[in-house]
């Protein structure tokens, strides 16, 4: 297997993980409320459910940033390596 094929495989894996994290993050944001109006009739389970969603989003946010940055850097490195390899074959 060539170096370029190995790099494409690793990049593909990172890209799939990044897309999966984006889908999960999008799913979580559907269930988050920006404002939660509490009064005497609001059950505490609504507040606890929203806190759980916010906690999961805060946990996934740094992972999403790291994997996104890694995917971007790998895309640039892969393109640069491909161009370098293409110019040296001529």
Protein backbone atom coordinates (compact mmCIF):
# COMPACT_ATOMS: atom_id res chain seq x y z
CA UNK A 1 0.00 0.00 0.00
CA UNK A 2 1.38 3.39 -0.91
CA UNK A 3 1.82 6.28 1.47
CA UNK A 4 -0.91 8.25 -0.29
CA UNK A 5 -3.40 5.38 0.08
CA UNK A 6 -2.63 5.09 3.78
CA UNK A 7 -3.07 8.84 4.23
CA UNK A 8 -6.41 8.71 2.36
CA UNK A 9 -7.58 5.86 4.60
CA UNK A 10 -6.69 7.71 7.80
CA UNK A 11 -8.24 10.93 6.48
CA UNK A 12 -11.42 9.04 5.57
CA UNK A 13 -11.67 7.61 9.07
CA UNK A 14 -11.17 11.03 10.67
CA UNK A 15 -13.72 12.57 8.30
CA UNK A 16 -16.31 9.89 9.13
CA UNK A 17 -15.79 10.47 12.87
CA UNK A 18 -16.10 14.23 12.34
CA UNK A 19 -19.35 13.89 10.39
CA UNK A 20 -20.75 11.49 13.01
CA UNK A 21 -19.91 14.00 15.76
CA UNK A 22 -21.58 16.79 13.77
CA UNK A 23 -24.72 14.69 13.37
CA UNK A 24 -24.77 13.88 17.09
CA UNK A 25 -24.22 17.54 17.97
CA UNK A 26 -27.06 18.54 15.66
CA UNK A 27 -29.31 15.96 17.28
CA UNK A 28 -28.49 17.32 20.72
CA UNK A 29 -29.15 20.93 19.75
CA UNK A 30 -32.65 19.99 18.64
CA UNK A 31 -33.46 19.07 22.23
CA UNK A 32 -31.79 22.07 23.89
CA UNK A 33 -33.83 25.06 24.89
CA UNK A 34 -32.22 28.49 25.04
CA UNK A 35 -34.67 29.73 27.62
CA UNK A 36 -36.32 27.60 30.23
CA UNK A 37 -39.27 29.23 31.94
CA UNK A 38 -39.75 27.75 35.37
CA UNK A 39 -42.75 28.32 37.52
CA UNK A 40 -44.64 26.38 40.17
CA UNK A 41 -46.27 24.07 37.61
CA UNK A 42 -43.11 23.22 35.67
CA UNK A 43 -41.87 19.76 36.66
CA UNK A 44 -38.27 19.53 37.79
CA UNK A 45 -37.68 16.76 35.24
CA UNK A 46 -37.83 19.35 32.43
CA UNK A 47 -35.04 21.33 34.06
CA UNK A 48 -32.98 18.19 34.71
CA UNK A 49 -33.46 17.01 31.13
CA UNK A 50 -32.26 20.34 29.75
CA UNK A 51 -29.26 20.30 32.11
CA UNK A 52 -28.35 16.81 30.86
CA UNK A 53 -28.47 17.98 27.23
CA UNK A 54 -26.32 21.03 28.01
CA UNK A 55 -23.85 18.83 29.91
CA UNK A 56 -23.54 16.45 26.92
CA UNK A 57 -23.08 19.36 24.54
CA UNK A 58 -20.35 20.87 26.74
CA UNK A 59 -18.62 17.48 26.81
CA UNK A 60 -18.70 16.96 23.04
CA UNK A 61 -17.72 20.52 22.02
CA UNK A 62 -13.93 20.21 22.67
CA UNK A 63 -13.85 16.80 20.98
CA UNK A 64 -15.66 18.26 17.97
CA UNK A 65 -13.15 21.10 17.74
CA UNK A 66 -10.14 18.77 17.94
CA UNK A 67 -11.46 16.30 15.38
CA UNK A 68 -12.54 19.13 13.06
CA UNK A 69 -9.13 20.75 13.27
CA UNK A 70 -7.45 17.40 12.68
CA UNK A 71 -9.65 16.74 9.65
CA UNK A 72 -8.86 20.18 8.23
CA UNK A 73 -5.12 19.83 8.78
CA UNK A 74 -5.14 16.35 7.28
CA UNK A 75 -7.00 17.65 4.23
CA UNK A 76 -4.36 20.32 3.69
CA UNK A 77 -1.51 17.86 4.27
CA UNK A 78 -3.06 15.31 1.95
CA UNK A 79 -3.52 17.86 -0.82
CA UNK A 80 0.04 19.12 -0.38
CA UNK A 81 1.48 15.61 -0.43
CA UNK A 82 -0.58 14.71 -3.50
CA UNK A 83 0.61 17.85 -5.32
CA UNK A 84 4.21 17.21 -4.31
CA UNK A 85 3.97 13.62 -5.50
CA UNK A 86 2.29 14.65 -8.78
CA UNK A 87 4.93 17.27 -9.58
CA UNK A 88 7.81 14.89 -8.92
CA UNK A 89 6.42 12.19 -11.22
CA UNK A 90 6.56 14.44 -14.26
